Amino acid sequence: MSNETKRDVFDDAAFNIETSSPDGPKFSDDLRQRYNDALPDDLPVIPEAVGEYIQWGKSYDIQLYMMYSFKFIHSQGFKKLTDDVESWIISSSNAFARAWVLGVWKVKETDEVVKL
């Protein structure tokens, strides 16, 4: 395994395009901008109900650590917090936290990408 990042590989390729033709610099700049704007390759995949839970929590500016306090969440009136959602969050807490922090994820049931 290498210490090289995907960004390093991309920058090498963009540099080669940039120096290989007269139109290279503009094309290379356009590619760099698209790369900067693109979503990560490894978006977290979460169930739709968990995504609704994240959207609800973000809309009320609830802190991430409180989203794991299911008794608190029930007391705040989020009715869609089922046992299945709680179980998924507990068993997949890394994916849940990544979706929360990134503010973007892929819906498991539909492959739709959701961005907050």
N, C-alpha and C. Protein backbone atom coordinates (compact mmCIF):
# COMPACT_ATOMS: atom_id res chain seq x y z
N MET A 1 0.84 -1.18 0.00
CA MET A 1 0.00 0.00 0.00
C MET A 1 0.88 1.23 0.00
N SER A 2 0.43 2.26 -0.66
CA SER A 2 1.17 3.49 -0.83
C SER A 2 0.68 4.56 0.15
N ASN A 3 1.49 5.57 0.37
CA ASN A 3 1.07 6.73 1.17
C ASN A 3 0.45 7.81 0.29
N GLU A 4 0.38 7.53 -1.00
CA GLU A 4 -0.16 8.49 -1.95
C GLU A 4 -1.69 8.57 -1.81
N THR A 5 -2.22 9.79 -1.84
CA THR A 5 -3.66 9.96 -1.75
C THR A 5 -4.27 9.96 -3.15
N LYS A 6 -5.58 9.81 -3.19
CA LYS A 6 -6.29 9.91 -4.48
C LYS A 6 -6.07 11.29 -5.08
N ARG A 7 -6.01 12.30 -4.22
CA ARG A 7 -5.78 13.66 -4.71
C ARG A 7 -4.41 13.75 -5.37
N ASP A 8 -3.38 13.10 -4.82
CA ASP A 8 -2.05 13.11 -5.42
C ASP A 8 -2.08 12.51 -6.83
N VAL A 9 -2.76 11.40 -6.98
CA VAL A 9 -2.86 10.74 -8.28
C VAL A 9 -3.59 11.65 -9.27
N PHE A 10 -4.68 12.24 -8.81
CA PHE A 10 -5.45 13.14 -9.67
C PHE A 10 -4.60 14.34 -10.10
N ASP A 11 -3.88 14.94 -9.16
CA ASP A 11 -3.05 16.10 -9.49
C ASP A 11 -1.96 15.75 -10.49
N ASP A 12 -1.39 14.55 -10.38
CA ASP A 12 -0.39 14.11 -11.37
C ASP A 12 -1.03 14.00 -12.76
N ALA A 13 -2.19 13.42 -12.83
CA ALA A 13 -2.88 13.28 -14.11
C ALA A 13 -3.25 14.65 -14.68
N ALA A 14 -3.75 15.54 -13.84
CA ALA A 14 -4.11 16.88 -14.29
C ALA A 14 -2.88 17.63 -14.79
N PHE A 15 -1.75 17.46 -14.10
CA PHE A 15 -0.52 18.11 -14.54
C PHE A 15 -0.09 17.60 -15.91
N ASN A 16 -0.21 16.28 -16.13
CA ASN A 16 0.16 15.72 -17.43
C ASN A 16 -0.75 16.25 -18.54
N ILE A 17 -2.03 16.41 -18.26
CA ILE A 17 -2.96 16.98 -19.23
C ILE A 17 -2.59 18.44 -19.50
N GLU A 18 -2.29 19.15 -18.44
CA GLU A 18 -1.97 20.58 -18.51
C GLU A 18 -0.76 20.84 -19.41
N THR A 19 0.23 19.96 -19.34
CA THR A 19 1.48 20.19 -20.08
C THR A 19 1.53 19.48 -21.44
N SER A 20 0.47 18.76 -21.80
CA SER A 20 0.54 17.96 -23.03
C SER A 20 -0.10 18.61 -24.25
N SER A 21 -0.88 19.67 -24.08
CA SER A 21 -1.51 20.28 -25.24
C SER A 21 -1.79 21.75 -24.97
N PRO A 22 -2.01 22.53 -26.04
CA PRO A 22 -2.30 23.95 -25.86
C PRO A 22 -3.58 24.21 -25.04
N ASP A 23 -4.57 23.36 -25.17
CA ASP A 23 -5.81 23.51 -24.40
C ASP A 23 -5.72 22.87 -23.02
N GLY A 24 -4.60 22.26 -22.74
CA GLY A 24 -4.42 21.53 -21.49
C GLY A 24 -4.63 22.33 -20.23
N PRO A 25 -4.08 23.56 -20.12
CA PRO A 25 -4.26 24.31 -18.87
C PRO A 25 -5.72 24.58 -18.52
N LYS A 26 -6.53 24.98 -19.50
CA LYS A 26 -7.94 25.26 -19.21
C LYS A 26 -8.67 23.97 -18.85
N PHE A 27 -8.42 22.92 -19.61
CA PHE A 27 -9.07 21.64 -19.33
C PHE A 27 -8.67 21.13 -17.95
N SER A 28 -7.40 21.27 -17.62
CA SER A 28 -6.89 20.84 -16.32
C SER A 28 -7.53 21.64 -15.19
N ASP A 29 -7.66 22.96 -15.37
CA ASP A 29 -8.32 23.79 -14.36
C ASP A 29 -9.78 23.37 -14.17
N ASP A 30 -10.46 23.10 -15.29
CA ASP A 30 -11.86 22.65 -15.21
C ASP A 30 -11.98 21.32 -14.46
N LEU A 31 -11.06 20.41 -14.74
CA LEU A 31 -11.06 19.12 -14.04
C LEU A 31 -10.81 19.29 -12.54
N ARG A 32 -9.88 20.15 -12.20
CA ARG A 32 -9.59 20.39 -10.78
C ARG A 32 -10.82 20.97 -10.06
N GLN A 33 -11.52 21.88 -10.72
CA GLN A 33 -12.72 22.46 -10.11
C GLN A 33 -13.81 21.40 -9.93
N ARG A 34 -14.01 20.57 -10.95
CA ARG A 34 -15.00 19.49 -10.84
C ARG A 34 -14.62 18.53 -9.73
N TYR A 35 -13.34 18.22 -9.61
CA TYR A 35 -12.88 17.31 -8.56
C TYR A 35 -13.15 17.91 -7.18
N ASN A 36 -12.86 19.21 -7.03
CA ASN A 36 -13.10 19.88 -5.75
C ASN A 36 -14.58 19.89 -5.38
N ASP A 37 -15.45 20.00 -6.37
CA ASP A 37 -16.89 20.08 -6.13
C ASP A 37 -17.55 18.71 -5.97
N ALA A 38 -16.86 17.65 -6.39
CA ALA A 38 -17.45 16.31 -6.39
C ALA A 38 -17.60 15.76 -4.97
N LEU A 39 -18.58 14.89 -4.82
CA LEU A 39 -18.80 14.20 -3.54
C LEU A 39 -17.75 13.11 -3.35
N PRO A 40 -17.51 12.70 -2.11
CA PRO A 40 -16.57 11.60 -1.87
C PRO A 40 -17.05 10.30 -2.52
N ASP A 41 -16.12 9.44 -2.86
CA ASP A 41 -16.46 8.14 -3.46
C ASP A 41 -17.17 7.23 -2.47
N ASP A 42 -16.83 7.34 -1.20
CA ASP A 42 -17.29 6.39 -0.20
C ASP A 42 -18.34 7.00 0.74
N LEU A 43 -19.41 7.51 0.14
CA LEU A 43 -20.48 8.08 0.96
C LEU A 43 -21.07 7.02 1.88
N PRO A 44 -21.45 7.40 3.09
CA PRO A 44 -22.12 6.43 3.95
C PRO A 44 -23.47 6.05 3.35
N VAL A 45 -23.83 4.79 3.49
CA VAL A 45 -25.12 4.30 3.01
C VAL A 45 -25.97 4.02 4.23
N ILE A 46 -27.11 4.70 4.31
CA ILE A 46 -27.96 4.58 5.50
C ILE A 46 -29.41 4.37 5.10
N PRO A 47 -30.19 3.71 5.95
CA PRO A 47 -31.62 3.53 5.67
C PRO A 47 -32.34 4.88 5.61
N GLU A 48 -33.41 4.93 4.83
CA GLU A 48 -34.17 6.16 4.66
C GLU A 48 -34.66 6.72 6.00
N ALA A 49 -35.12 5.86 6.88
CA ALA A 49 -35.63 6.32 8.18
C ALA A 49 -34.53 6.97 9.02
N VAL A 50 -33.32 6.47 8.91
CA VAL A 50 -32.19 7.06 9.63
C VAL A 50 -31.87 8.43 9.03
N GLY A 51 -31.96 8.55 7.71
CA GLY A 51 -31.76 9.84 7.06
C GLY A 51 -32.79 10.87 7.52
N GLU A 52 -34.03 10.44 7.68
CA GLU A 52 -35.06 11.36 8.18
C GLU A 52 -34.72 11.80 9.60
N TYR A 53 -34.19 10.89 10.38
CA TYR A 53 -33.78 11.19 11.75
C TYR A 53 -32.67 12.24 11.75
N ILE A 54 -31.69 12.08 10.87
CA ILE A 54 -30.60 13.05 10.77
C ILE A 54 -31.15 14.41 10.35
N GLN A 55 -32.00 14.42 9.34
CA GLN A 55 -32.58 15.69 8.87
C GLN A 55 -33.34 16.38 10.00
N TRP A 56 -34.10 15.62 10.76
CA TRP A 56 -34.85 16.18 11.89
C TRP A 56 -33.89 16.78 12.91
N GLY A 57 -32.85 16.02 13.29
CA GLY A 57 -31.89 16.50 14.28
C GLY A 57 -31.16 17.75 13.83
N LYS A 58 -30.76 17.78 12.58
CA LYS A 58 -30.07 18.96 12.05
C LYS A 58 -31.01 20.16 12.02
N SER A 59 -32.28 19.94 11.71
CA SER A 59 -33.22 21.06 11.62
C SER A 59 -33.45 21.72 12.97
N TYR A 60 -33.25 20.97 14.05
CA TYR A 60 -33.40 21.52 15.40
C TYR A 60 -32.05 21.82 16.05
N ASP A 61 -30.97 21.72 15.27
CA ASP A 61 -29.62 22.02 15.74
C ASP A 61 -29.25 21.21 16.99
N ILE A 62 -29.64 19.94 16.97
CA ILE A 62 -29.30 19.04 18.07
C ILE A 62 -27.87 18.55 17.86
N GLN A 63 -27.10 18.48 18.92
CA GLN A 63 -25.72 18.02 18.85
C GLN A 63 -25.68 16.51 18.59
N LEU A 64 -24.64 16.08 17.88
CA LEU A 64 -24.51 14.66 17.51
C LEU A 64 -24.61 13.74 18.72
N TYR A 65 -23.92 14.06 19.79
CA TYR A 65 -23.93 13.16 20.94
C TYR A 65 -25.34 12.98 21.51
N MET A 66 -26.18 14.00 21.37
CA MET A 66 -27.56 13.90 21.87
C MET A 66 -28.42 13.01 20.97
N MET A 67 -28.01 12.84 19.72
CA MET A 67 -28.77 11.99 18.80
C MET A 67 -28.69 10.52 19.22
N TYR A 68 -27.72 10.18 20.07
CA TYR A 68 -27.60 8.82 20.59
C TYR A 68 -28.39 8.65 21.89
N SER A 69 -28.95 9.71 22.41
CA SER A 69 -29.75 9.66 23.63
C SER A 69 -31.21 9.52 23.24
N PHE A 70 -31.61 8.28 23.01
CA PHE A 70 -32.92 8.02 22.44
C PHE A 70 -34.07 8.45 23.36
N LYS A 71 -33.87 8.36 24.67
CA LYS A 71 -34.91 8.84 25.59
C LYS A 71 -35.13 10.34 25.42
N PHE A 72 -34.03 11.08 25.25
CA PHE A 72 -34.14 12.52 25.02
C PHE A 72 -34.90 12.78 23.71
N ILE A 73 -34.54 12.06 22.67
CA ILE A 73 -35.16 12.27 21.36
C ILE A 73 -36.65 11.98 21.43
N HIS A 74 -37.03 10.89 22.10
CA HIS A 74 -38.46 10.60 22.26
C HIS A 74 -39.16 11.74 22.98
N SER A 75 -38.50 12.31 23.97
CA SER A 75 -39.13 13.40 24.73
C SER A 75 -39.29 14.66 23.90
N GLN A 76 -38.50 14.76 22.81
CA GLN A 76 -38.59 15.94 21.94
C GLN A 76 -39.64 15.79 20.85
N GLY A 77 -40.28 14.62 20.80
CA GLY A 77 -41.41 14.45 19.88
C GLY A 77 -41.09 13.86 18.53
N PHE A 78 -39.91 13.27 18.34
CA PHE A 78 -39.64 12.63 17.05
C PHE A 78 -40.30 11.25 17.07
N LYS A 79 -41.43 11.13 16.40
CA LYS A 79 -42.27 9.93 16.46
C LYS A 79 -41.75 8.76 15.60
N LYS A 80 -40.89 9.05 14.63
CA LYS A 80 -40.44 8.00 13.71
C LYS A 80 -39.25 7.21 14.23
N LEU A 81 -38.82 7.48 15.45
CA LEU A 81 -37.67 6.77 16.01
C LEU A 81 -38.13 5.40 16.52
N THR A 82 -38.02 4.42 15.64
CA THR A 82 -38.46 3.06 15.97
C THR A 82 -37.31 2.26 16.57
N ASP A 83 -37.64 1.08 17.07
CA ASP A 83 -36.60 0.19 17.60
C ASP A 83 -35.61 -0.19 16.50
N ASP A 84 -36.11 -0.37 15.26
CA ASP A 84 -35.22 -0.72 14.15
C ASP A 84 -34.22 0.40 13.85
N VAL A 85 -34.70 1.64 13.89
CA VAL A 85 -33.81 2.78 13.65
C VAL A 85 -32.77 2.86 14.77
N GLU A 86 -33.20 2.74 16.00
CA GLU A 86 -32.27 2.77 17.13
C GLU A 86 -31.22 1.66 16.99
N SER A 87 -31.66 0.45 16.67
CA SER A 87 -30.73 -0.67 16.52
C SER A 87 -29.71 -0.42 15.42
N TRP A 88 -30.19 0.13 14.29
CA TRP A 88 -29.28 0.40 13.18
C TRP A 88 -28.25 1.44 13.60
N ILE A 89 -28.68 2.50 14.26
CA ILE A 89 -27.76 3.55 14.69
C ILE A 89 -26.71 2.99 15.64
N ILE A 90 -27.12 2.17 16.57
CA ILE A 90 -26.18 1.58 17.52
C ILE A 90 -25.19 0.65 16.82
N SER A 91 -25.69 -0.20 15.93
CA SER A 91 -24.82 -1.17 15.27
C SER A 91 -23.98 -0.56 14.14
N SER A 92 -24.38 0.60 13.65
CA SER A 92 -23.68 1.25 12.53
C SER A 92 -23.31 2.69 12.91
N SER A 93 -22.82 2.86 14.11
CA SER A 93 -22.60 4.21 14.62
C SER A 93 -21.57 5.00 13.81
N ASN A 94 -20.58 4.33 13.23
CA ASN A 94 -19.60 5.05 12.41
C ASN A 94 -20.24 5.63 11.15
N ALA A 95 -21.07 4.82 10.48
CA ALA A 95 -21.76 5.31 9.28
C ALA A 95 -22.72 6.44 9.64
N PHE A 96 -23.41 6.30 10.76
CA PHE A 96 -24.33 7.34 11.22
C PHE A 96 -23.57 8.65 11.47
N ALA A 97 -22.46 8.57 12.18
CA ALA A 97 -21.67 9.77 12.50
C ALA A 97 -21.09 10.40 11.24
N ARG A 98 -20.62 9.59 10.30
CA ARG A 98 -20.08 10.13 9.04
C ARG A 98 -21.16 10.86 8.26
N ALA A 99 -22.35 10.26 8.17
CA ALA A 99 -23.46 10.91 7.46
C ALA A 99 -23.80 12.23 8.14
N TRP A 100 -23.81 12.23 9.46
CA TRP A 100 -24.11 13.45 10.23
C TRP A 100 -23.08 14.54 9.93
N VAL A 101 -21.81 14.19 10.02
CA VAL A 101 -20.74 15.18 9.86
C VAL A 101 -20.64 15.66 8.41
N LEU A 102 -20.71 14.75 7.46
CA LEU A 102 -20.62 15.14 6.05
C LEU A 102 -21.86 15.91 5.59
N GLY A 103 -23.01 15.56 6.15
CA GLY A 103 -24.26 16.17 5.70
C GLY A 103 -24.69 15.65 4.35
N VAL A 104 -24.18 14.50 3.97
CA VAL A 104 -24.54 13.87 2.69
C VAL A 104 -24.40 12.36 2.86
N TRP A 105 -25.32 11.61 2.24
CA TRP A 105 -25.30 10.16 2.32
C TRP A 105 -26.09 9.58 1.17
N LYS A 106 -25.97 8.26 1.01
CA LYS A 106 -26.73 7.54 0.01
C LYS A 106 -27.81 6.75 0.74
N VAL A 107 -29.04 6.82 0.24
CA VAL A 107 -30.17 6.11 0.84
C VAL A 107 -30.09 4.64 0.42
N LYS A 108 -30.09 3.77 1.40
CA LYS A 108 -29.92 2.33 1.17
C LYS A 108 -30.99 1.77 0.22
N GLU A 109 -32.23 2.15 0.41
CA GLU A 109 -33.33 1.57 -0.35
C GLU A 109 -33.39 2.05 -1.80
N THR A 110 -32.91 3.26 -2.08
CA THR A 110 -33.10 3.85 -3.42
C THR A 110 -31.82 4.25 -4.13
N ASP A 111 -30.69 4.25 -3.42
CA ASP A 111 -29.41 4.74 -3.95
C ASP A 111 -29.42 6.24 -4.22
N GLU A 112 -30.46 6.94 -3.77
CA GLU A 112 -30.53 8.39 -3.92
C GLU A 112 -29.47 9.04 -3.01
N VAL A 113 -28.83 10.09 -3.51
CA VAL A 113 -27.88 10.85 -2.71
C VAL A 113 -28.63 12.02 -2.10
N VAL A 114 -28.54 12.15 -0.77
CA VAL A 114 -29.20 13.23 -0.05
C VAL A 114 -28.13 14.16 0.48
N LYS A 115 -28.31 15.46 0.20
CA LYS A 115 -27.39 16.49 0.71
C LYS A 115 -28.20 17.48 1.52
N LEU A 116 -27.69 17.81 2.70
CA LEU A 116 -28.36 18.81 3.53
C LEU A 116 -27.90 20.19 3.14
